[in-house]
Amino acid sequence: MSVTRGEIADHLADTPALFPATREELLLAAAGIAARPSVIAALQELPDRKYGHLRDLWPHLPNVTVS
């Protein structure tokens, strides 16, 4: 099953004051809330940098569908 932007957003929204965050911090947050493996796999595709806001992820995740 594929992952959507909405699913990623829902998972990361459960983590207050997450942003700005690095890829590693996003992965730790997703693992900490037991996100589905496909969500974690999508986040692993992100370049290793700091993201100021959730919307900053989308250009780096072109295969994640909008929903």
PDB file of N, CA and C in Angstrom:
ATOM      1  N   MET A   1       0.843  -1.186   0.000  1.00  0.00           N
ATOM      2  CA  MET A   1       0.000   0.000   0.000  1.00  0.00           C
ATOM      3  C   MET A   1       0.886   1.246   0.000  1.00  0.00           C
ATOM      4  N   SER A   2       0.531   2.203  -0.817  1.00  0.00           N
ATOM      5  CA  SER A   2       1.315   3.431  -0.896  1.00  0.00           C
ATOM      6  C   SER A   2       0.938   4.387   0.233  1.00  0.00           C
ATOM      7  N   VAL A   3       1.753   5.391   0.383  1.00  0.00           N
ATOM      8  CA  VAL A   3       1.533   6.391   1.417  1.00  0.00           C
ATOM      9  C   VAL A   3       1.127   7.697   0.747  1.00  0.00           C
ATOM     10  N   THR A   4       0.378   8.509   1.445  1.00  0.00           N
ATOM     11  CA  THR A   4      -0.075   9.795   0.917  1.00  0.00           C
ATOM     12  C   THR A   4       0.484  10.934   1.774  1.00  0.00           C
ATOM     13  N   ARG A   5       0.450  12.129   1.202  1.00  0.00           N
ATOM     14  CA  ARG A   5       0.865  13.310   1.969  1.00  0.00           C
ATOM     15  C   ARG A   5       0.002  13.467   3.214  1.00  0.00           C
ATOM     16  N   GLY A   6      -1.282  13.199   3.059  1.00  0.00           N
ATOM     17  CA  GLY A   6      -2.199  13.317   4.190  1.00  0.00           C
ATOM     18  C   GLY A   6      -1.822  12.390   5.334  1.00  0.00           C
ATOM     19  N   GLU A   7      -1.424  11.178   4.996  1.00  0.00           N
ATOM     20  CA  GLU A   7      -1.040  10.231   6.044  1.00  0.00           C
ATOM     21  C   GLU A   7       0.239  10.698   6.743  1.00  0.00           C
ATOM     22  N   ILE A   8       1.208  11.146   5.964  1.00  0.00           N
ATOM     23  CA  ILE A   8       2.441  11.656   6.568  1.00  0.00           C
ATOM     24  C   ILE A   8       2.114  12.846   7.468  1.00  0.00           C
ATOM     25  N   ALA A   9       1.301  13.754   6.960  1.00  0.00           N
ATOM     26  CA  ALA A   9       0.929  14.941   7.735  1.00  0.00           C
ATOM     27  C   ALA A   9       0.212  14.551   9.019  1.00  0.00           C
ATOM     28  N   ASP A  10      -0.706  13.593   8.938  1.00  0.00           N
ATOM     29  CA  ASP A  10      -1.430  13.148  10.132  1.00  0.00           C
ATOM     30  C   ASP A  10      -0.476  12.600  11.187  1.00  0.00           C
ATOM     31  N   HIS A  11       0.478  11.804  10.762  1.00  0.00           N
ATOM     32  CA  HIS A  11       1.433  11.225  11.717  1.00  0.00           C
ATOM     33  C   HIS A  11       2.307  12.301  12.345  1.00  0.00           C
ATOM     34  N   LEU A  12       2.827  13.193  11.513  1.00  0.00           N
ATOM     35  CA  LEU A  12       3.743  14.201  12.047  1.00  0.00           C
ATOM     36  C   LEU A  12       3.010  15.284  12.826  1.00  0.00           C
ATOM     37  N   ALA A  13       1.724  15.477  12.559  1.00  0.00           N
ATOM     38  CA  ALA A  13       0.936  16.458  13.308  1.00  0.00           C
ATOM     39  C   ALA A  13       0.749  16.014  14.760  1.00  0.00           C
ATOM     40  N   ASP A  14       0.882  14.717  14.992  1.00  0.00           N
ATOM     41  CA  ASP A  14       0.753  14.192  16.354  1.00  0.00           C
ATOM     42  C   ASP A  14       1.968  14.518  17.216  1.00  0.00           C
ATOM     43  N   THR A  15       2.993  15.081  16.600  1.00  0.00           N
ATOM     44  CA  THR A  15       4.228  15.411  17.308  1.00  0.00           C
ATOM     45  C   THR A  15       4.326  16.922  17.419  1.00  0.00           C
ATOM     46  N   PRO A  16       3.924  17.499  18.539  1.00  0.00           N
ATOM     47  CA  PRO A  16       3.910  18.955  18.673  1.00  0.00           C
ATOM     48  C   PRO A  16       5.310  19.562  18.583  1.00  0.00           C
ATOM     49  N   ALA A  17       5.373  20.715  17.987  1.00  0.00           N
ATOM     50  CA  ALA A  17       6.610  21.501  17.880  1.00  0.00           C
ATOM     51  C   ALA A  17       7.748  20.717  17.239  1.00  0.00           C
ATOM     52  N   LEU A  18       7.420  19.908  16.240  1.00  0.00           N
ATOM     53  CA  LEU A  18       8.433  19.093  15.577  1.00  0.00           C
ATOM     54  C   LEU A  18       9.321  19.923  14.662  1.00  0.00           C
ATOM     55  N   PHE A  19       8.726  20.852  13.955  1.00  0.00           N
ATOM     56  CA  PHE A  19       9.486  21.641  12.981  1.00  0.00           C
ATOM     57  C   PHE A  19      10.061  22.891  13.616  1.00  0.00           C
ATOM     58  N   PRO A  20      11.252  23.286  13.218  1.00  0.00           N
ATOM     59  CA  PRO A  20      12.098  22.689  12.191  1.00  0.00           C
ATOM     60  C   PRO A  20      12.673  21.353  12.665  1.00  0.00           C
ATOM     61  N   ALA A  21      12.917  20.468  11.690  1.00  0.00           N
ATOM     62  CA  ALA A  21      13.391  19.128  12.014  1.00  0.00           C
ATOM     63  C   ALA A  21      14.279  18.594  10.900  1.00  0.00           C
ATOM     64  N   THR A  22      15.225  17.776  11.282  1.00  0.00           N
ATOM     65  CA  THR A  22      16.070  17.091  10.310  1.00  0.00           C
ATOM     66  C   THR A  22      15.374  15.805   9.868  1.00  0.00           C
ATOM     67  N   ARG A  23      15.906  15.193   8.829  1.00  0.00           N
ATOM     68  CA  ARG A  23      15.350  13.904   8.389  1.00  0.00           C
ATOM     69  C   ARG A  23      15.383  12.907   9.546  1.00  0.00           C
ATOM     70  N   GLU A  24      16.481  12.872  10.269  1.00  0.00           N
ATOM     71  CA  GLU A  24      16.604  11.929  11.384  1.00  0.00           C
ATOM     72  C   GLU A  24      15.544  12.195  12.455  1.00  0.00           C
ATOM     73  N   GLU A  25      15.285  13.446  12.767  1.00  0.00           N
ATOM     74  CA  GLU A  25      14.256  13.783  13.756  1.00  0.00           C
ATOM     75  C   GLU A  25      12.872  13.384  13.268  1.00  0.00           C
ATOM     76  N   LEU A  26      12.620  13.551  11.977  1.00  0.00           N
ATOM     77  CA  LEU A  26      11.330  13.126  11.412  1.00  0.00           C
ATOM     78  C   LEU A  26      11.184  11.611  11.512  1.00  0.00           C
ATOM     79  N   LEU A  27      12.257  10.886  11.210  1.00  0.00           N
ATOM     80  CA  LEU A  27      12.211   9.424  11.304  1.00  0.00           C
ATOM     81  C   LEU A  27      12.001   8.960  12.743  1.00  0.00           C
ATOM     82  N   LEU A  28      12.677   9.606  13.678  1.00  0.00           N
ATOM     83  CA  LEU A  28      12.488   9.253  15.098  1.00  0.00           C
ATOM     84  C   LEU A  28      11.064   9.534  15.554  1.00  0.00           C
ATOM     85  N   ALA A  29      10.513  10.659  15.110  1.00  0.00           N
ATOM     86  CA  ALA A  29       9.132  10.993  15.478  1.00  0.00           C
ATOM     87  C   ALA A  29       8.167   9.964  14.907  1.00  0.00           C
ATOM     88  N   ALA A  30       8.361   9.583  13.646  1.00  0.00           N
ATOM     89  CA  ALA A  30       7.476   8.599  13.014  1.00  0.00           C
ATOM     90  C   ALA A  30       7.585   7.244  13.710  1.00  0.00           C
ATOM     91  N   ALA A  31       8.790   6.841  14.043  1.00  0.00           N
ATOM     92  CA  ALA A  31       8.980   5.570  14.745  1.00  0.00           C
ATOM     93  C   ALA A  31       8.371   5.624  16.142  1.00  0.00           C
ATOM     94  N   GLY A  32       8.465   6.775  16.785  1.00  0.00           N
ATOM     95  CA  GLY A  32       7.940   6.933  18.139  1.00  0.00           C
ATOM     96  C   GLY A  32       6.431   6.837  18.229  1.00  0.00           C
ATOM     97  N   ILE A  33       5.750   7.101  17.112  1.00  0.00           N
ATOM     98  CA  ILE A  33       4.288   6.982  17.123  1.00  0.00           C
ATOM     99  C   ILE A  33       3.833   5.763  16.327  1.00  0.00           C
ATOM    100  N   ALA A  34       4.784   4.864  16.055  1.00  0.00           N
ATOM    101  CA  ALA A  34       4.494   3.605  15.368  1.00  0.00           C
ATOM    102  C   ALA A  34       3.830   3.819  14.007  1.00  0.00           C
ATOM    103  N   ALA A  35       4.405   4.712  13.227  1.00  0.00           N
ATOM    104  CA  ALA A  35       3.901   4.949  11.871  1.00  0.00           C
ATOM    105  C   ALA A  35       4.090   3.684  11.034  1.00  0.00           C
ATOM    106  N   ARG A  36       3.240   3.539  10.026  1.00  0.00           N
ATOM    107  CA  ARG A  36       3.347   2.379   9.140  1.00  0.00           C
ATOM    108  C   ARG A  36       4.723   2.352   8.483  1.00  0.00           C
ATOM    109  N   PRO A  37       5.218   1.174   8.182  1.00  0.00           N
ATOM    110  CA  PRO A  37       6.518   1.069   7.523  1.00  0.00           C
ATOM    111  C   PRO A  37       6.616   1.878   6.226  1.00  0.00           C
ATOM    112  N   SER A  38       5.532   2.012   5.493  1.00  0.00           N
ATOM    113  CA  SER A  38       5.591   2.787   4.247  1.00  0.00           C
ATOM    114  C   SER A  38       5.785   4.279   4.519  1.00  0.00           C
ATOM    115  N   VAL A  39       5.283   4.772   5.638  1.00  0.00           N
ATOM    116  CA  VAL A  39       5.504   6.177   6.017  1.00  0.00           C
ATOM    117  C   VAL A  39       6.978   6.376   6.344  1.00  0.00           C
ATOM    118  N   ILE A  40       7.534   5.479   7.115  1.00  0.00           N
ATOM    119  CA  ILE A  40       8.943   5.566   7.480  1.00  0.00           C
ATOM    120  C   ILE A  40       9.815   5.434   6.238  1.00  0.00           C
ATOM    121  N   ALA A  41       9.465   4.525   5.340  1.00  0.00           N
ATOM    122  CA  ALA A  41      10.234   4.357   4.103  1.00  0.00           C
ATOM    123  C   ALA A  41      10.214   5.638   3.273  1.00  0.00           C
ATOM    124  N   ALA A  42       9.070   6.297   3.210  1.00  0.00           N
ATOM    125  CA  ALA A  42       8.977   7.556   2.460  1.00  0.00           C
ATOM    126  C   ALA A  42       9.871   8.616   3.088  1.00  0.00           C
ATOM    127  N   LEU A  43       9.850   8.720   4.396  1.00  0.00           N
ATOM    128  CA  LEU A  43      10.674   9.712   5.083  1.00  0.00           C
ATOM    129  C   LEU A  43      12.164   9.424   4.916  1.00  0.00           C
ATOM    130  N   GLN A  44      12.524   8.158   4.780  1.00  0.00           N
ATOM    131  CA  GLN A  44      13.917   7.800   4.572  1.00  0.00           C
ATOM    132  C   GLN A  44      14.432   8.297   3.224  1.00  0.00           C
ATOM    133  N   GLU A  45      13.528   8.576   2.299  1.00  0.00           N
ATOM    134  CA  GLU A  45      13.909   9.074   0.979  1.00  0.00           C
ATOM    135  C   GLU A  45      14.287  10.564   0.990  1.00  0.00           C
ATOM    136  N   LEU A  46      13.982  11.246   2.074  1.00  0.00           N
ATOM    137  CA  LEU A  46      14.279  12.676   2.154  1.00  0.00           C
ATOM    138  C   LEU A  46      15.782  12.921   2.182  1.00  0.00           C
ATOM    139  N   PRO A  47      16.226  14.006   1.543  1.00  0.00           N
ATOM    140  CA  PRO A  47      17.632  14.390   1.694  1.00  0.00           C
ATOM    141  C   PRO A  47      17.923  14.745   3.153  1.00  0.00           C
ATOM    142  N   ASP A  48      19.156  14.529   3.553  1.00  0.00           N
ATOM    143  CA  ASP A  48      19.561  14.810   4.924  1.00  0.00           C
ATOM    144  C   ASP A  48      19.787  16.315   5.084  1.00  0.00           C
ATOM    145  N   ARG A  49      18.770  16.985   5.583  1.00  0.00           N
ATOM    146  CA  ARG A  49      18.827  18.433   5.799  1.00  0.00           C
ATOM    147  C   ARG A  49      17.777  18.809   6.825  1.00  0.00           C
ATOM    148  N   LYS A  50      17.684  20.077   7.160  1.00  0.00           N
ATOM    149  CA  LYS A  50      16.673  20.559   8.103  1.00  0.00           C
ATOM    150  C   LYS A  50      15.479  21.091   7.307  1.00  0.00           C
ATOM    151  N   TYR A  51      14.278  20.751   7.758  1.00  0.00           N
ATOM    152  CA  TYR A  51      13.025  21.164   7.128  1.00  0.00           C
ATOM    153  C   TYR A  51      12.300  22.109   8.068  1.00  0.00           C
ATOM    154  N   GLY A  52      11.968  23.284   7.562  1.00  0.00           N
ATOM    155  CA  GLY A  52      11.341  24.300   8.395  1.00  0.00           C
ATOM    156  C   GLY A  52       9.857  24.082   8.628  1.00  0.00           C
ATOM    157  N   HIS A  53       9.211  23.370   7.712  1.00  0.00           N
ATOM    158  CA  HIS A  53       7.757  23.183   7.781  1.00  0.00           C
ATOM    159  C   HIS A  53       7.401  21.906   7.030  1.00  0.00           C
ATOM    160  N   LEU A  54       6.270  21.352   7.350  1.00  0.00           N
ATOM    161  CA  LEU A  54       5.799  20.138   6.692  1.00  0.00           C
ATOM    162  C   LEU A  54       5.784  20.293   5.177  1.00  0.00           C
ATOM    163  N   ARG A  55       5.341  21.435   4.683  1.00  0.00           N
ATOM    164  CA  ARG A  55       5.253  21.639   3.232  1.00  0.00           C
ATOM    165  C   ARG A  55       6.617  21.571   2.549  1.00  0.00           C
ATOM    166  N   ASP A  56       7.694  21.722   3.305  1.00  0.00           N
ATOM    167  CA  ASP A  56       9.037  21.642   2.739  1.00  0.00           C
ATOM    168  C   ASP A  56       9.420  20.211   2.351  1.00  0.00           C
ATOM    169  N   LEU A  57       8.664  19.236   2.832  1.00  0.00           N
ATOM    170  CA  LEU A  57       8.955  17.839   2.505  1.00  0.00           C
ATOM    171  C   LEU A  57       8.521  17.481   1.095  1.00  0.00           C
ATOM    172  N   TRP A  58       7.416  18.030   0.641  1.00  0.00           N
ATOM    173  CA  TRP A  58       6.769  17.570  -0.592  1.00  0.00           C
ATOM    174  C   TRP A  58       7.635  17.634  -1.849  1.00  0.00           C
ATOM    175  N   PRO A  59       8.428  18.677  -2.065  1.00  0.00           N
ATOM    176  CA  PRO A  59       9.269  18.670  -3.271  1.00  0.00           C
ATOM    177  C   PRO A  59      10.271  17.512  -3.304  1.00  0.00           C
ATOM    178  N   HIS A  60      10.593  16.980  -2.139  1.00  0.00           N
ATOM    179  CA  HIS A  60      11.561  15.893  -2.047  1.00  0.00           C
ATOM    180  C   HIS A  60      10.906  14.518  -2.044  1.00  0.00           C
ATOM    181  N   LEU A  61       9.595  14.496  -2.085  1.00  0.00           N
ATOM    182  CA  LEU A  61       8.841  13.230  -2.079  1.00  0.00           C
ATOM    183  C   LEU A  61       7.889  13.198  -3.279  1.00  0.00           C
ATOM    184  N   PRO A  62       8.417  13.223  -4.506  1.00  0.00           N
ATOM    185  CA  PRO A  62       7.551  13.304  -5.688  1.00  0.00           C
ATOM    186  C   PRO A  62       6.677  12.076  -5.903  1.00  0.00           C
ATOM    187  N   ASN A  63       7.037  10.937  -5.324  1.00  0.00           N
ATOM    188  CA  ASN A  63       6.245   9.720  -5.510  1.00  0.00           C
ATOM    189  C   ASN A  63       5.142   9.553  -4.467  1.00  0.00           C
ATOM    190  N   VAL A  64       5.090  10.472  -3.522  1.00  0.00           N
ATOM    191  CA  VAL A  64       4.029  10.434  -2.505  1.00  0.00           C
ATOM    192  C   VAL A  64       2.823  11.191  -3.068  1.00  0.00           C
ATOM    193  N   THR A  65       1.697  10.517  -3.112  1.00  0.00           N
ATOM    194  CA  THR A  65       0.501  11.118  -3.707  1.00  0.00           C
ATOM    195  C   THR A  65      -0.139  12.141  -2.786  1.00  0.00           C
ATOM    196  N   VAL A  66      -0.804  13.092  -3.410  1.00  0.00           N
ATOM    197  CA  VAL A  66      -1.548  14.118  -2.658  1.00  0.00           C
ATOM    198  C   VAL A  66      -2.885  13.516  -2.265  1.00  0.00           C
ATOM    199  N   SER A  67      -3.227  13.673  -1.004  1.00  0.00           N
ATOM    200  CA  SER A  67      -4.520  13.188  -0.547  1.00  0.00           C
ATOM    201  C   SER A  67      -4.806  13.691   0.848  1.00  0.00           C
TER     202      SER A  67
END
